[in-house]
Amino acid sequence: MPKKYRSDVMAAIHETATDLYKVDGMDRKTMRKFDVLCLTPIQEMTPKKIRALRAREKASQTVFAAYLNVTPSLVSKWERGEKHPQGTSLKLLTLVEKRGLEVIA
């Protein structure tokens, strides 16, 4: 999955920092600081928060699941608290919360 940046400017800054890191022009600790600064942070999602997010976007569980590339039953389980989003799904939910469903459309 491609990295999601806070802005186009942050993307350019992070790309430059990554290039410096690859040629040993920057240490790992400094690179981690650039990651935190430039990349969209991942937030935990509660069942209530996921349900509210889907409602805010006016999407059914089926449509929401299609955007997130998961099954509708998984979205249902997230909303009931039976399972918790992880990895890519959690990152996508964080992006949808910050910028709306159209950002991943």
PDB file of N, CA and C in Angstrom:
ATOM      1  N   MET A   1       0.848  -1.174   0.000  1.00  0.00           N
ATOM      2  CA  MET A   1       0.000   0.000   0.000  1.00  0.00           C
ATOM      3  C   MET A   1       0.894   1.237   0.000  1.00  0.00           C
ATOM      4  N   PRO A   2       0.549   2.213  -0.859  1.00  0.00           N
ATOM      5  CA  PRO A   2       1.362   3.434  -0.891  1.00  0.00           C
ATOM      6  C   PRO A   2       1.205   4.216   0.406  1.00  0.00           C
ATOM      7  N   LYS A   3       2.226   4.980   0.742  1.00  0.00           N
ATOM      8  CA  LYS A   3       2.201   5.787   1.953  1.00  0.00           C
ATOM      9  C   LYS A   3       1.244   6.954   1.762  1.00  0.00           C
ATOM     10  N   LYS A   4       0.569   7.320   2.836  1.00  0.00           N
ATOM     11  CA  LYS A   4      -0.350   8.451   2.810  1.00  0.00           C
ATOM     12  C   LYS A   4       0.266   9.583   3.622  1.00  0.00           C
ATOM     13  N   TYR A   5       0.384  10.730   2.997  1.00  0.00           N
ATOM     14  CA  TYR A   5       1.032  11.877   3.625  1.00  0.00           C
ATOM     15  C   TYR A   5       0.028  12.909   4.069  1.00  0.00           C
ATOM     16  N   ARG A   6       0.432  13.728   5.011  1.00  0.00           N
ATOM     17  CA  ARG A   6      -0.419  14.811   5.514  1.00  0.00           C
ATOM     18  C   ARG A   6      -0.711  15.837   4.428  1.00  0.00           C
ATOM     19  N   SER A   7       0.246  16.031   3.509  1.00  0.00           N
ATOM     20  CA  SER A   7       0.074  16.995   2.423  1.00  0.00           C
ATOM     21  C   SER A   7       1.105  16.692   1.332  1.00  0.00           C
ATOM     22  N   ASP A   8       0.974  17.377   0.201  1.00  0.00           N
ATOM     23  CA  ASP A   8       1.953  17.219  -0.887  1.00  0.00           C
ATOM     24  C   ASP A   8       3.334  17.707  -0.464  1.00  0.00           C
ATOM     25  N   VAL A   9       3.365  18.757   0.331  1.00  0.00           N
ATOM     26  CA  VAL A   9       4.652  19.288   0.823  1.00  0.00           C
ATOM     27  C   VAL A   9       5.326  18.242   1.708  1.00  0.00           C
ATOM     28  N   MET A  10       4.551  17.630   2.612  1.00  0.00           N
ATOM     29  CA  MET A  10       5.111  16.603   3.496  1.00  0.00           C
ATOM     30  C   MET A  10       5.595  15.397   2.689  1.00  0.00           C
ATOM     31  N   ALA A  11       4.910  15.096   1.598  1.00  0.00           N
ATOM     32  CA  ALA A  11       5.338  13.987   0.737  1.00  0.00           C
ATOM     33  C   ALA A  11       6.713  14.287   0.142  1.00  0.00           C
ATOM     34  N   ALA A  12       6.911  15.509  -0.323  1.00  0.00           N
ATOM     35  CA  ALA A  12       8.198  15.893  -0.905  1.00  0.00           C
ATOM     36  C   ALA A  12       9.310  15.877   0.143  1.00  0.00           C
ATOM     37  N   ILE A  13       9.004  16.374   1.324  1.00  0.00           N
ATOM     38  CA  ILE A  13       9.991  16.370   2.404  1.00  0.00           C
ATOM     39  C   ILE A  13      10.371  14.940   2.783  1.00  0.00           C
ATOM     40  N   HIS A  14       9.367  14.088   2.914  1.00  0.00           N
ATOM     41  CA  HIS A  14       9.622  12.698   3.307  1.00  0.00           C
ATOM     42  C   HIS A  14      10.419  11.964   2.224  1.00  0.00           C
ATOM     43  N   GLU A  15      10.111  12.218   0.981  1.00  0.00           N
ATOM     44  CA  GLU A  15      10.845  11.587  -0.124  1.00  0.00           C
ATOM     45  C   GLU A  15      12.326  11.981  -0.079  1.00  0.00           C
ATOM     46  N   THR A  16      12.593  13.249   0.169  1.00  0.00           N
ATOM     47  CA  THR A  16      13.979  13.718   0.284  1.00  0.00           C
ATOM     48  C   THR A  16      14.680  13.071   1.475  1.00  0.00           C
ATOM     49  N   ALA A  17      13.985  13.005   2.612  1.00  0.00           N
ATOM     50  CA  ALA A  17      14.566  12.374   3.803  1.00  0.00           C
ATOM     51  C   ALA A  17      14.843  10.900   3.553  1.00  0.00           C
ATOM     52  N   THR A  18      13.939  10.227   2.868  1.00  0.00           N
ATOM     53  CA  THR A  18      14.129   8.804   2.552  1.00  0.00           C
ATOM     54  C   THR A  18      15.358   8.608   1.677  1.00  0.00           C
ATOM     55  N   ASP A  19      15.523   9.469   0.693  1.00  0.00           N
ATOM     56  CA  ASP A  19      16.700   9.379  -0.179  1.00  0.00           C
ATOM     57  C   ASP A  19      17.989   9.588   0.621  1.00  0.00           C
ATOM     58  N   LEU A  20      17.972  10.552   1.523  1.00  0.00           N
ATOM     59  CA  LEU A  20      19.148  10.784   2.375  1.00  0.00           C
ATOM     60  C   LEU A  20      19.433   9.568   3.257  1.00  0.00           C
ATOM     61  N   TYR A  21      18.385   8.969   3.783  1.00  0.00           N
ATOM     62  CA  TYR A  21      18.545   7.787   4.633  1.00  0.00           C
ATOM     63  C   TYR A  21      19.160   6.624   3.840  1.00  0.00           C
ATOM     64  N   LYS A  22      18.708   6.452   2.603  1.00  0.00           N
ATOM     65  CA  LYS A  22      19.194   5.345   1.758  1.00  0.00           C
ATOM     66  C   LYS A  22      20.683   5.461   1.444  1.00  0.00           C
ATOM     67  N   VAL A  23      21.211   6.684   1.388  1.00  0.00           N
ATOM     68  CA  VAL A  23      22.639   6.874   1.082  1.00  0.00           C
ATOM     69  C   VAL A  23      23.443   7.174   2.351  1.00  0.00           C
ATOM     70  N   ASP A  24      22.875   6.803   3.498  1.00  0.00           N
ATOM     71  CA  ASP A  24      23.521   6.999   4.804  1.00  0.00           C
ATOM     72  C   ASP A  24      23.789   8.463   5.131  1.00  0.00           C
ATOM     73  N   GLY A  25      22.962   9.355   4.594  1.00  0.00           N
ATOM     74  CA  GLY A  25      23.082  10.769   4.914  1.00  0.00           C
ATOM     75  C   GLY A  25      22.235  11.151   6.116  1.00  0.00           C
ATOM     76  N   MET A  26      21.481  10.166   6.641  1.00  0.00           N
ATOM     77  CA  MET A  26      20.608  10.401   7.786  1.00  0.00           C
ATOM     78  C   MET A  26      20.514   9.097   8.571  1.00  0.00           C
ATOM     79  N   ASP A  27      20.505   9.197   9.901  1.00  0.00           N
ATOM     80  CA  ASP A  27      20.414   7.973  10.702  1.00  0.00           C
ATOM     81  C   ASP A  27      18.953   7.537  10.874  1.00  0.00           C
ATOM     82  N   ARG A  28      18.762   6.321  11.374  1.00  0.00           N
ATOM     83  CA  ARG A  28      17.436   5.728  11.530  1.00  0.00           C
ATOM     84  C   ARG A  28      16.556   6.548  12.489  1.00  0.00           C
ATOM     85  N   LYS A  29      17.144   7.043  13.565  1.00  0.00           N
ATOM     86  CA  LYS A  29      16.388   7.815  14.555  1.00  0.00           C
ATOM     87  C   LYS A  29      15.797   9.079  13.923  1.00  0.00           C
ATOM     88  N   THR A  30      16.585   9.770  13.136  1.00  0.00           N
ATOM     89  CA  THR A  30      16.103  10.978  12.466  1.00  0.00           C
ATOM     90  C   THR A  30      15.034  10.628  11.428  1.00  0.00           C
ATOM     91  N   MET A  31      15.225   9.499  10.728  1.00  0.00           N
ATOM     92  CA  MET A  31      14.237   9.069   9.734  1.00  0.00           C
ATOM     93  C   MET A  31      12.896   8.784  10.405  1.00  0.00           C
ATOM     94  N   ARG A  32      12.914   8.181  11.576  1.00  0.00           N
ATOM     95  CA  ARG A  32      11.670   7.921  12.306  1.00  0.00           C
ATOM     96  C   ARG A  32      10.958   9.228  12.653  1.00  0.00           C
ATOM     97  N   LYS A  33      11.725  10.260  12.977  1.00  0.00           N
ATOM     98  CA  LYS A  33      11.120  11.559  13.269  1.00  0.00           C
ATOM     99  C   LYS A  33      10.420  12.123  12.034  1.00  0.00           C
ATOM    100  N   PHE A  34      11.033  11.946  10.869  1.00  0.00           N
ATOM    101  CA  PHE A  34      10.398  12.390   9.624  1.00  0.00           C
ATOM    102  C   PHE A  34       9.141  11.577   9.335  1.00  0.00           C
ATOM    103  N   ASP A  35       9.171  10.276   9.635  1.00  0.00           N
ATOM    104  CA  ASP A  35       7.983   9.442   9.453  1.00  0.00           C
ATOM    105  C   ASP A  35       6.822   9.985  10.282  1.00  0.00           C
ATOM    106  N   VAL A  36       7.077  10.287  11.531  1.00  0.00           N
ATOM    107  CA  VAL A  36       6.039  10.803  12.425  1.00  0.00           C
ATOM    108  C   VAL A  36       5.530  12.155  11.927  1.00  0.00           C
ATOM    109  N   LEU A  37       6.434  13.009  11.489  1.00  0.00           N
ATOM    110  CA  LEU A  37       6.076  14.339  11.023  1.00  0.00           C
ATOM    111  C   LEU A  37       5.254  14.306   9.731  1.00  0.00           C
ATOM    112  N   CYS A  38       5.634  13.448   8.804  1.00  0.00           N
ATOM    113  CA  CYS A  38       5.076  13.503   7.456  1.00  0.00           C
ATOM    114  C   CYS A  38       3.920  12.544   7.191  1.00  0.00           C
ATOM    115  N   LEU A  39       3.954  11.362   7.792  1.00  0.00           N
ATOM    116  CA  LEU A  39       2.939  10.358   7.502  1.00  0.00           C
ATOM    117  C   LEU A  39       1.703  10.556   8.370  1.00  0.00           C
ATOM    118  N   THR A  40       0.555  10.171   7.837  1.00  0.00           N
ATOM    119  CA  THR A  40      -0.695  10.261   8.585  1.00  0.00           C
ATOM    120  C   THR A  40      -0.646   9.273   9.744  1.00  0.00           C
ATOM    121  N   PRO A  41      -0.854   9.735  10.978  1.00  0.00           N
ATOM    122  CA  PRO A  41      -0.795   8.821  12.125  1.00  0.00           C
ATOM    123  C   PRO A  41      -2.004   7.886  12.157  1.00  0.00           C
ATOM    124  N   ILE A  42      -1.784   6.684  12.663  1.00  0.00           N
ATOM    125  CA  ILE A  42      -2.850   5.686  12.772  1.00  0.00           C
ATOM    126  C   ILE A  42      -3.472   5.819  14.152  1.00  0.00           C
ATOM    127  N   GLN A  43      -4.799   5.813  14.192  1.00  0.00           N
ATOM    128  CA  GLN A  43      -5.521   5.923  15.453  1.00  0.00           C
ATOM    129  C   GLN A  43      -6.308   4.648  15.705  1.00  0.00           C
ATOM    130  N   GLU A  44      -6.489   4.310  16.967  1.00  0.00           N
ATOM    131  CA  GLU A  44      -7.344   3.170  17.320  1.00  0.00           C
ATOM    132  C   GLU A  44      -8.787   3.520  16.973  1.00  0.00           C
ATOM    133  N   MET A  45      -9.550   2.506  16.595  1.00  0.00           N
ATOM    134  CA  MET A  45     -10.951   2.724  16.234  1.00  0.00           C
ATOM    135  C   MET A  45     -11.849   1.845  17.099  1.00  0.00           C
ATOM    136  N   THR A  46     -12.737   2.483  17.830  1.00  0.00           N
ATOM    137  CA  THR A  46     -13.705   1.743  18.636  1.00  0.00           C
ATOM    138  C   THR A  46     -14.893   1.378  17.754  1.00  0.00           C
ATOM    139  N   PRO A  47     -15.684   0.388  18.171  1.00  0.00           N
ATOM    140  CA  PRO A  47     -16.885   0.046  17.393  1.00  0.00           C
ATOM    141  C   PRO A  47     -17.806   1.250  17.184  1.00  0.00           C
ATOM    142  N   LYS A  48     -17.990   2.042  18.233  1.00  0.00           N
ATOM    143  CA  LYS A  48     -18.849   3.223  18.144  1.00  0.00           C
ATOM    144  C   LYS A  48     -18.298   4.230  17.136  1.00  0.00           C
ATOM    145  N   LYS A  49     -16.988   4.402  17.139  1.00  0.00           N
ATOM    146  CA  LYS A  49     -16.337   5.347  16.226  1.00  0.00           C
ATOM    147  C   LYS A  49     -16.475   4.888  14.770  1.00  0.00           C
ATOM    148  N   ILE A  50     -16.336   3.579  14.532  1.00  0.00           N
ATOM    149  CA  ILE A  50     -16.464   3.039  13.176  1.00  0.00           C
ATOM    150  C   ILE A  50     -17.890   3.218  12.672  1.00  0.00           C
ATOM    151  N   ARG A  51     -18.869   2.898  13.509  1.00  0.00           N
ATOM    152  CA  ARG A  51     -20.275   3.046  13.135  1.00  0.00           C
ATOM    153  C   ARG A  51     -20.590   4.506  12.831  1.00  0.00           C
ATOM    154  N   ALA A  52     -20.098   5.421  13.678  1.00  0.00           N
ATOM    155  CA  ALA A  52     -20.342   6.853  13.471  1.00  0.00           C
ATOM    156  C   ALA A  52     -19.663   7.353  12.191  1.00  0.00           C
ATOM    157  N   LEU A  53     -18.484   6.843  11.923  1.00  0.00           N
ATOM    158  CA  LEU A  53     -17.750   7.219  10.714  1.00  0.00           C
ATOM    159  C   LEU A  53     -18.517   6.787   9.467  1.00  0.00           C
ATOM    160  N   ARG A  54     -19.007   5.559   9.479  1.00  0.00           N
ATOM    161  CA  ARG A  54     -19.778   5.048   8.340  1.00  0.00           C
ATOM    162  C   ARG A  54     -21.059   5.852   8.168  1.00  0.00           C
ATOM    163  N   ALA A  55     -21.716   6.173   9.279  1.00  0.00           N
ATOM    164  CA  ALA A  55     -22.953   6.967   9.219  1.00  0.00           C
ATOM    165  C   ALA A  55     -22.662   8.371   8.686  1.00  0.00           C
ATOM    166  N   ARG A  56     -21.558   8.964   9.135  1.00  0.00           N
ATOM    167  CA  ARG A  56     -21.178  10.299   8.655  1.00  0.00           C
ATOM    168  C   ARG A  56     -20.984  10.310   7.146  1.00  0.00           C
ATOM    169  N   GLU A  57     -20.423   9.219   6.635  1.00  0.00           N
ATOM    170  CA  GLU A  57     -20.180   9.117   5.195  1.00  0.00           C
ATOM    171  C   GLU A  57     -21.405   8.645   4.418  1.00  0.00           C
ATOM    172  N   LYS A  58     -22.494   8.368   5.139  1.00  0.00           N
ATOM    173  CA  LYS A  58     -23.760   7.937   4.533  1.00  0.00           C
ATOM    174  C   LYS A  58     -23.571   6.708   3.634  1.00  0.00           C
ATOM    175  N   ALA A  59     -22.865   5.708   4.161  1.00  0.00           N
ATOM    176  CA  ALA A  59     -22.586   4.483   3.403  1.00  0.00           C
ATOM    177  C   ALA A  59     -23.149   3.285   4.149  1.00  0.00           C
ATOM    178  N   SER A  60     -23.681   2.340   3.390  1.00  0.00           N
ATOM    179  CA  SER A  60     -24.111   1.080   3.987  1.00  0.00           C
ATOM    180  C   SER A  60     -22.874   0.278   4.355  1.00  0.00           C
ATOM    181  N   GLN A  61     -23.062  -0.775   5.137  1.00  0.00           N
ATOM    182  CA  GLN A  61     -21.916  -1.628   5.478  1.00  0.00           C
ATOM    183  C   GLN A  61     -21.307  -2.233   4.216  1.00  0.00           C
ATOM    184  N   THR A  62     -22.130  -2.577   3.251  1.00  0.00           N
ATOM    185  CA  THR A  62     -21.647  -3.173   2.010  1.00  0.00           C
ATOM    186  C   THR A  62     -20.798  -2.185   1.213  1.00  0.00           C
ATOM    187  N   VAL A  63     -21.266  -0.972   1.076  1.00  0.00           N
ATOM    188  CA  VAL A  63     -20.525   0.059   0.328  1.00  0.00           C
ATOM    189  C   VAL A  63     -19.244   0.419   1.068  1.00  0.00           C
ATOM    190  N   PHE A  64     -19.342   0.602   2.372  1.00  0.00           N
ATOM    191  CA  PHE A  64     -18.177   0.934   3.194  1.00  0.00           C
ATOM    192  C   PHE A  64     -17.118  -0.158   3.074  1.00  0.00           C
ATOM    193  N   ALA A  65     -17.558  -1.405   3.132  1.00  0.00           N
ATOM    194  CA  ALA A  65     -16.646  -2.540   3.012  1.00  0.00           C
ATOM    195  C   ALA A  65     -15.958  -2.553   1.652  1.00  0.00           C
ATOM    196  N   ALA A  66     -16.696  -2.237   0.604  1.00  0.00           N
ATOM    197  CA  ALA A  66     -16.112  -2.217  -0.743  1.00  0.00           C
ATOM    198  C   ALA A  66     -14.993  -1.179  -0.838  1.00  0.00           C
ATOM    199  N   TYR A  67     -15.199  -0.004  -0.267  1.00  0.00           N
ATOM    200  CA  TYR A  67     -14.162   1.032  -0.272  1.00  0.00           C
ATOM    201  C   TYR A  67     -12.919   0.586   0.491  1.00  0.00           C
ATOM    202  N   LEU A  68     -13.128  -0.159   1.583  1.00  0.00           N
ATOM    203  CA  LEU A  68     -12.013  -0.603   2.422  1.00  0.00           C
ATOM    204  C   LEU A  68     -11.413  -1.931   1.966  1.00  0.00           C
ATOM    205  N   ASN A  69     -12.031  -2.533   0.938  1.00  0.00           N
ATOM    206  CA  ASN A  69     -11.579  -3.815   0.403  1.00  0.00           C
ATOM    207  C   ASN A  69     -11.633  -4.923   1.460  1.00  0.00           C
ATOM    208  N   VAL A  70     -12.734  -4.938   2.210  1.00  0.00           N
ATOM    209  CA  VAL A  70     -12.996  -5.988   3.189  1.00  0.00           C
ATOM    210  C   VAL A  70     -14.429  -6.489   2.957  1.00  0.00           C
ATOM    211  N   THR A  71     -14.833  -7.513   3.674  1.00  0.00           N
ATOM    212  CA  THR A  71     -16.192  -8.037   3.524  1.00  0.00           C
ATOM    213  C   THR A  71     -17.170  -7.239   4.387  1.00  0.00           C
ATOM    214  N   PRO A  72     -18.432  -7.190   3.970  1.00  0.00           N
ATOM    215  CA  PRO A  72     -19.441  -6.513   4.798  1.00  0.00           C
ATOM    216  C   PRO A  72     -19.561  -7.152   6.187  1.00  0.00           C
ATOM    217  N   SER A  73     -19.375  -8.453   6.270  1.00  0.00           N
ATOM    218  CA  SER A  73     -19.475  -9.108   7.581  1.00  0.00           C
ATOM    219  C   SER A  73     -18.346  -8.650   8.509  1.00  0.00           C
ATOM    220  N   LEU A  74     -17.168  -8.331   7.949  1.00  0.00           N
ATOM    221  CA  LEU A  74     -16.073  -7.832   8.780  1.00  0.00           C
ATOM    222  C   LEU A  74     -16.405  -6.442   9.321  1.00  0.00           C
ATOM    223  N   VAL A  75     -16.992  -5.593   8.498  1.00  0.00           N
ATOM    224  CA  VAL A  75     -17.411  -4.263   8.959  1.00  0.00           C
ATOM    225  C   VAL A  75     -18.433  -4.423  10.082  1.00  0.00           C
ATOM    226  N   SER A  76     -19.361  -5.355   9.922  1.00  0.00           N
ATOM    227  CA  SER A  76     -20.364  -5.627  10.951  1.00  0.00           C
ATOM    228  C   SER A  76     -19.698  -6.079  12.255  1.00  0.00           C
ATOM    229  N   LYS A  77     -18.709  -6.947  12.151  1.00  0.00           N
ATOM    230  CA  LYS A  77     -17.997  -7.426  13.344  1.00  0.00           C
ATOM    231  C   LYS A  77     -17.220  -6.299  14.011  1.00  0.00           C
ATOM    232  N   TRP A  78     -16.651  -5.399  13.230  1.00  0.00           N
ATOM    233  CA  TRP A  78     -15.964  -4.234  13.808  1.00  0.00           C
ATOM    234  C   TRP A  78     -16.954  -3.388  14.603  1.00  0.00           C
ATOM    235  N   GLU A  79     -18.127  -3.167  14.017  1.00  0.00           N
ATOM    236  CA  GLU A  79     -19.126  -2.305  14.644  1.00  0.00           C
ATOM    237  C   GLU A  79     -19.735  -2.939  15.890  1.00  0.00           C
ATOM    238  N   ARG A  80     -19.712  -4.259  15.970  1.00  0.00           N
ATOM    239  CA  ARG A  80     -20.210  -4.957  17.154  1.00  0.00           C
ATOM    240  C   ARG A  80     -19.101  -5.205  18.176  1.00  0.00           C
ATOM    241  N   GLY A  81     -17.860  -4.925  17.819  1.00  0.00           N
ATOM    242  CA  GLY A  81     -16.743  -5.120  18.726  1.00  0.00           C
ATOM    243  C   GLY A  81     -16.219  -6.542  18.777  1.00  0.00           C
ATOM    244  N   GLU A  82     -16.655  -7.395  17.849  1.00  0.00           N
ATOM    245  CA  GLU A  82     -16.198  -8.781  17.817  1.00  0.00           C
ATOM    246  C   GLU A  82     -14.790  -8.904  17.247  1.00  0.00           C
ATOM    247  N   LYS A  83     -14.443  -7.981  16.369  1.00  0.00           N
ATOM    248  CA  LYS A  83     -13.103  -7.908  15.795  1.00  0.00           C
ATOM    249  C   LYS A  83     -12.678  -6.452  15.782  1.00  0.00           C
ATOM    250  N   HIS A  84     -11.377  -6.234  15.620  1.00  0.00           N
ATOM    251  CA  HIS A  84     -10.840  -4.877  15.591  1.00  0.00           C
ATOM    252  C   HIS A  84     -10.011  -4.691  14.329  1.00  0.00           C
ATOM    253  N   PRO A  85     -10.184  -3.560  13.648  1.00  0.00           N
ATOM    254  CA  PRO A  85      -9.395  -3.319  12.434  1.00  0.00           C
ATOM    255  C   PRO A  85      -7.909  -3.224  12.755  1.00  0.00           C
ATOM    256  N   GLN A  86      -7.107  -3.763  11.837  1.00  0.00           N
ATOM    257  CA  GLN A  86      -5.659  -3.743  12.006  1.00  0.00           C
ATOM    258  C   GLN A  86      -5.004  -3.432  10.670  1.00  0.00           C
ATOM    259  N   GLY A  87      -3.744  -3.094  10.724  1.00  0.00           N
ATOM    260  CA  GLY A  87      -2.939  -2.911   9.520  1.00  0.00           C
ATOM    261  C   GLY A  87      -3.522  -1.920   8.541  1.00  0.00           C
ATOM    262  N   THR A  88      -3.636  -2.371   7.296  1.00  0.00           N
ATOM    263  CA  THR A  88      -4.109  -1.513   6.214  1.00  0.00           C
ATOM    264  C   THR A  88      -5.518  -0.991   6.466  1.00  0.00           C
ATOM    265  N   SER A  89      -6.389  -1.848   6.993  1.00  0.00           N
ATOM    266  CA  SER A  89      -7.768  -1.423   7.266  1.00  0.00           C
ATOM    267  C   SER A  89      -7.803  -0.290   8.278  1.00  0.00           C
ATOM    268  N   LEU A  90      -6.991  -0.396   9.311  1.00  0.00           N
ATOM    269  CA  LEU A  90      -6.946   0.651  10.326  1.00  0.00           C
ATOM    270  C   LEU A  90      -6.403   1.957   9.745  1.00  0.00           C
ATOM    271  N   LYS A  91      -5.412   1.854   8.900  1.00  0.00           N
ATOM    272  CA  LYS A  91      -4.843   3.038   8.241  1.00  0.00           C
ATOM    273  C   LYS A  91      -5.904   3.706   7.348  1.00  0.00           C
ATOM    274  N   LEU A  92      -6.636   2.897   6.579  1.00  0.00           N
ATOM    275  CA  LEU A  92      -7.673   3.447   5.711  1.00  0.00           C
ATOM    276  C   LEU A  92      -8.790   4.107   6.520  1.00  0.00           C
ATOM    277  N   LEU A  93      -9.196   3.483   7.619  1.00  0.00           N
ATOM    278  CA  LEU A  93     -10.225   4.079   8.469  1.00  0.00           C
ATOM    279  C   LEU A  93      -9.765   5.422   9.034  1.00  0.00           C
ATOM    280  N   THR A  94      -8.499   5.502   9.406  1.00  0.00           N
ATOM    281  CA  THR A  94      -7.942   6.754   9.916  1.00  0.00           C
ATOM    282  C   THR A  94      -7.982   7.839   8.843  1.00  0.00           C
ATOM    283  N   LEU A  95      -7.638   7.465   7.612  1.00  0.00           N
ATOM    284  CA  LEU A  95      -7.679   8.430   6.504  1.00  0.00           C
ATOM    285  C   LEU A  95      -9.110   8.883   6.220  1.00  0.00           C
ATOM    286  N   VAL A  96     -10.051   7.940   6.239  1.00  0.00           N
ATOM    287  CA  VAL A  96     -11.457   8.288   6.008  1.00  0.00           C
ATOM    288  C   VAL A  96     -11.941   9.233   7.099  1.00  0.00           C
ATOM    289  N   GLU A  97     -11.540   8.977   8.338  1.00  0.00           N
ATOM    290  CA  GLU A  97     -11.954   9.846   9.428  1.00  0.00           C
ATOM    291  C   GLU A  97     -11.436  11.274   9.237  1.00  0.00           C
ATOM    292  N   LYS A  98     -10.200  11.408   8.790  1.00  0.00           N
ATOM    293  CA  LYS A  98      -9.591  12.721   8.635  1.00  0.00           C
ATOM    294  C   LYS A  98     -10.054  13.462   7.379  1.00  0.00           C
ATOM    295  N   ARG A  99     -10.213  12.707   6.271  1.00  0.00           N
ATOM    296  CA  ARG A  99     -10.427  13.375   4.975  1.00  0.00           C
ATOM    297  C   ARG A  99     -11.685  12.953   4.225  1.00  0.00           C
ATOM    298  N   GLY A 100     -12.402  11.969   4.729  1.00  0.00           N
ATOM    299  CA  GLY A 100     -13.617  11.534   4.068  1.00  0.00           C
ATOM    300  C   GLY A 100     -13.407  10.316   3.170  1.00  0.00           C
ATOM    301  N   LEU A 101     -14.500   9.690   2.847  1.00  0.00           N
ATOM    302  CA  LEU A 101     -14.470   8.448   2.066  1.00  0.00           C
ATOM    303  C   LEU A 101     -13.916   8.655   0.662  1.00  0.00           C
ATOM    304  N   GLU A 102     -14.104   9.855   0.114  1.00  0.00           N
ATOM    305  CA  GLU A 102     -13.636  10.126  -1.255  1.00  0.00           C
ATOM    306  C   GLU A 102     -12.124  10.046  -1.379  1.00  0.00           C
ATOM    307  N   VAL A 103     -11.385  10.152  -0.274  1.00  0.00           N
ATOM    308  CA  VAL A 103      -9.931  10.093  -0.331  1.00  0.00           C
ATOM    309  C   VAL A 103      -9.429   8.707  -0.745  1.00  0.00           C
ATOM    310  N   ILE A 104     -10.224   7.671  -0.494  1.00  0.00           N
ATOM    311  CA  ILE A 104      -9.813   6.313  -0.889  1.00  0.00           C
ATOM    312  C   ILE A 104     -10.644   5.784  -2.050  1.00  0.00           C
ATOM    313  N   ALA A 105     -11.501   6.627  -2.588  1.00  0.00           N
ATOM    314  CA  ALA A 105     -12.366   6.203  -3.694  1.00  0.00           C
ATOM    315  C   ALA A 105     -11.603   6.063  -4.979  1.00  0.00           C
TER     316      ALA A 105
END
